[in-house]
Structures are given as C-alpha cells and as structure tokens.
Amino acid sequence: MITAIAAVSRNWGIGRDNDLLYNIPEDKKFFRRTTLEHTVIMGRKTLLSLPNGKPFKDRNNVVLSRNKDFHPEGVTVLGSVEEAVSYAENEGGELFIVGGGSVYKEMLPFCGKAIITKIDGTPDADVFFPNLDELPEWKLTEESEEQEYEGVKYKFCTYERI
C-alpha cells in the first residue's frame, strides 16, 4: 500500500522556502516511528532539505527526479511517477510518500491512505498538500486527541480512500 504522510496547517500548507512550517518534536517522533524500516518516496528538493542532504536512516529512500545526473549516495533514484508506482508494486509492504508538494500531488491518486498531522495554525506557506476534506474520494477514519506544543495545537489524523 502507498501511504502519504505529512504535517499540514489549517489551510493544508506544508512548507515555505523548502522547509517545514513547524518543528514539533512529537510529530517528528511519530513520523520516525511510522516510517521506520519502510520505503519512503520523496522529491529531490525534499532530500536536499534534510540535514546535510542525507537520506533518512533505517529506511529505504527513493527519490523522484527527472535529472539523470542526480545520483546521491544511499538512495534509489526513479525518473517518473510510473516508475515509482511500479517500484511500489514490486516492493510490497507499506510505502510512504514524504514530500514535497509536487510529489504528493502526483502520487496521491495511487495512495490508499494518508496520515496527516493537522496543526491548528496558518503560517505563510508556499507549498500545499491537497485538501483531503474537500476531496470526495477521501474519508477521515481516525483522529487522535488534541495535543499541544509551545501553544500550538495539533492532532494525528488518518484518511482512507473510499
């Protein structure tokens, strides 16, 4: 199964200037626990935005990039969404789409589930995740209790494709 995982603001913003909108330690721990020992698929800019531009530890890192000269250490580079879907089918298990905005939009039609950290705030964003609350093929199926970090409220939500 292909699953999208993201942290979104109230207006479904996910980033600004190639960085996350929020730094919530419990959300980062949740992301790590959820994706550990799985395959994560991301875009080139997302990989480069990680600390030192290095892939996530203890995960199979796949990067979507049309740049044929892009071959960073420790990742599998695929050139298209079709290649990523084929890779996912062959890989089996749960694969996670982890960003950025264009990869989410291109891969969402192939996702059966989305794990979304909804953060109650609207900072200025320049990258957005598709608003699943407005898409009829998606249904909110699980929601955690509201939590708070430094005055910012958030909750973990699971959406499933109907």
Protein backbone atom coordinates (compact mmCIF):
# COMPACT_ATOMS: atom_id res chain seq x y z
CA MET A 1 0.00 0.00 0.00
CA ILE A 2 1.14 3.53 -0.76
CA THR A 3 0.50 5.98 2.09
CA ALA A 4 1.06 9.73 2.13
CA ILE A 5 2.34 11.18 5.40
CA ALA A 6 2.50 14.92 6.07
CA ALA A 7 2.05 17.68 8.63
CA VAL A 8 -0.34 20.37 7.43
CA SER A 9 -1.52 23.73 8.70
CA ARG A 10 -5.19 24.70 8.88
CA ASN A 11 -5.11 25.68 5.17
CA TRP A 12 -3.16 22.50 4.26
CA GLY A 13 0.16 24.33 3.95
CA ILE A 14 3.19 22.07 4.35
CA GLY A 15 6.22 24.27 3.77
CA ARG A 16 7.88 27.54 2.96
CA ASP A 17 11.25 28.18 1.33
CA ASN A 18 11.96 24.42 1.20
CA ASP A 19 11.48 24.00 4.94
CA LEU A 20 8.72 22.68 7.17
CA LEU A 21 6.25 25.13 8.68
CA TYR A 22 6.51 23.65 12.19
CA ASN A 23 9.10 21.88 14.30
CA ILE A 24 7.04 19.79 16.72
CA PRO A 25 9.19 17.11 18.39
CA GLU A 26 6.31 14.67 18.94
CA ASP A 27 5.32 14.93 15.27
CA LYS A 28 8.89 14.13 14.24
CA LYS A 29 8.91 11.13 16.59
CA PHE A 30 5.57 10.00 15.15
CA PHE A 31 6.95 10.30 11.60
CA ARG A 32 10.05 8.32 12.54
CA ARG A 33 8.08 5.52 14.30
CA THR A 34 5.60 5.28 11.43
CA THR A 35 8.12 5.18 8.57
CA LEU A 36 10.97 3.26 10.25
CA GLU A 37 12.07 0.16 8.31
CA HIS A 38 9.79 1.12 5.39
CA THR A 39 10.36 2.68 1.98
CA VAL A 40 9.97 6.46 1.78
CA ILE A 41 9.47 8.22 -1.54
CA MET A 42 10.33 11.90 -1.90
CA GLY A 43 11.34 14.52 -4.40
CA ARG A 44 14.87 15.77 -4.94
CA LYS A 45 14.27 19.06 -3.11
CA THR A 46 12.88 17.20 -0.09
CA LEU A 47 16.01 15.04 0.08
CA LEU A 48 18.24 18.11 -0.21
CA SER A 49 16.27 19.84 2.58
CA LEU A 50 17.11 17.04 5.05
CA PRO A 51 20.04 17.59 7.44
CA ASN A 52 23.22 17.57 5.32
CA GLY A 53 21.11 16.44 2.35
CA LYS A 54 21.39 12.85 3.62
CA PRO A 55 18.61 10.25 3.35
CA PHE A 56 16.57 9.10 6.35
CA LYS A 57 18.32 6.45 8.44
CA ASP A 58 16.87 2.95 8.72
CA ARG A 59 14.57 3.42 5.73
CA ASN A 60 14.75 2.55 2.06
CA ASN A 61 14.96 6.02 0.47
CA VAL A 62 13.60 6.56 -3.04
CA VAL A 63 13.87 9.92 -4.78
CA LEU A 64 11.81 11.01 -7.78
CA SER A 65 13.91 13.16 -10.09
CA ARG A 66 13.98 13.80 -13.82
CA ASN A 67 17.62 14.84 -13.50
CA LYS A 68 19.53 11.88 -14.94
CA ASP A 69 22.78 13.13 -13.35
CA PHE A 70 21.34 13.07 -9.82
CA HIS A 71 22.74 10.01 -8.00
CA PRO A 72 23.16 10.76 -4.28
CA GLU A 73 24.57 8.07 -2.05
CA GLY A 74 22.12 5.87 -0.18
CA VAL A 75 19.05 6.43 -2.36
CA THR A 76 17.32 4.83 -5.34
CA VAL A 77 16.52 7.45 -7.98
CA LEU A 78 13.48 6.96 -10.19
CA GLY A 79 12.57 9.22 -13.11
CA SER A 80 8.77 9.16 -13.08
CA VAL A 81 5.62 8.54 -11.10
CA GLU A 82 5.01 5.44 -13.23
CA GLU A 83 8.40 4.04 -12.19
CA ALA A 84 7.58 4.81 -8.54
CA VAL A 85 4.22 3.03 -8.74
CA SER A 86 5.84 0.01 -10.40
CA TYR A 87 8.57 0.06 -7.75
CA ALA A 88 5.91 0.17 -5.02
CA GLU A 89 4.04 -2.78 -6.53
CA ASN A 90 7.24 -4.84 -6.73
CA GLU A 91 8.47 -3.79 -3.28
CA GLY A 92 5.30 -4.76 -1.43
CA GLY A 93 4.55 -3.67 2.11
CA GLU A 94 3.69 -0.10 3.01
CA LEU A 95 5.50 2.71 1.22
CA PHE A 96 5.30 6.31 2.40
CA ILE A 97 5.19 9.44 0.27
CA VAL A 98 7.01 12.08 2.34
CA GLY A 99 7.10 15.17 0.12
CA GLY A 100 7.36 17.62 -1.40
CA GLY A 101 4.27 19.26 -2.75
CA SER A 102 4.51 18.12 -6.37
CA VAL A 103 5.31 14.52 -5.34
CA TYR A 104 2.27 14.47 -3.04
CA LYS A 105 0.02 15.76 -5.84
CA GLU A 106 1.40 13.32 -8.42
CA MET A 107 1.38 10.28 -6.13
CA LEU A 108 -1.90 10.92 -4.22
CA PRO A 109 -4.06 9.17 -6.87
CA PHE A 110 -2.09 5.97 -6.11
CA CYS A 111 -2.39 6.27 -2.32
CA GLY A 112 -4.89 4.24 -0.33
CA LYS A 113 -4.23 6.05 2.94
CA ALA A 114 -2.95 9.39 4.19
CA ILE A 115 -1.60 10.02 7.68
CA ILE A 116 -1.91 13.73 8.38
CA THR A 117 -0.77 15.75 11.36
CA LYS A 118 -3.26 18.63 11.41
CA ILE A 119 -1.75 21.69 13.05
CA ASP A 120 -4.02 24.49 14.22
CA GLY A 121 -2.27 27.44 12.67
CA THR A 122 -1.92 29.27 9.36
CA PRO A 123 1.65 30.39 8.87
CA ASP A 124 2.61 31.74 5.46
CA ALA A 125 3.17 28.71 3.21
CA ASP A 126 4.29 28.40 -0.40
CA VAL A 127 3.72 24.62 -0.72
CA PHE A 128 0.43 22.85 0.00
CA PHE A 129 -0.92 19.33 0.39
CA PRO A 130 -4.22 18.61 -1.39
CA ASN A 131 -7.11 19.33 0.99
CA LEU A 132 -8.46 15.84 1.69
CA ASP A 133 -11.51 17.26 3.48
CA GLU A 134 -12.66 18.65 0.11
CA LEU A 135 -11.99 15.50 -1.94
CA PRO A 136 -14.99 13.15 -2.02
CA GLU A 137 -12.83 10.05 -2.51
CA TRP A 138 -11.18 10.56 0.91
CA LYS A 139 -12.72 9.93 4.32
CA LEU A 140 -11.38 10.80 7.76
CA THR A 141 -11.34 7.46 9.60
CA GLU A 142 -9.29 8.13 12.73
CA GLU A 143 -8.36 11.17 14.81
CA SER A 144 -6.21 11.41 17.93
CA GLU A 145 -6.88 13.57 20.94
CA GLU A 146 -5.68 17.13 20.50
CA GLN A 147 -2.14 17.74 21.75
CA GLU A 148 -0.17 20.92 22.28
CA TYR A 149 3.44 22.02 21.91
CA GLU A 150 4.51 25.55 22.85
CA GLY A 151 0.95 26.83 22.40
CA VAL A 152 0.44 25.09 19.04
CA LYS A 153 -2.39 22.55 18.97
CA TYR A 154 -2.28 19.52 16.69
CA LYS A 155 -3.72 16.05 16.19
CA PHE A 156 -2.88 12.96 14.19
CA CYS A 157 -5.48 12.00 11.57
CA THR A 158 -5.86 9.06 9.22
CA TYR A 159 -7.71 9.36 5.93
CA GLU A 160 -8.60 6.43 3.71
CA ARG A 161 -9.57 6.34 0.09
CA ILE A 162 -13.22 5.30 -0.27
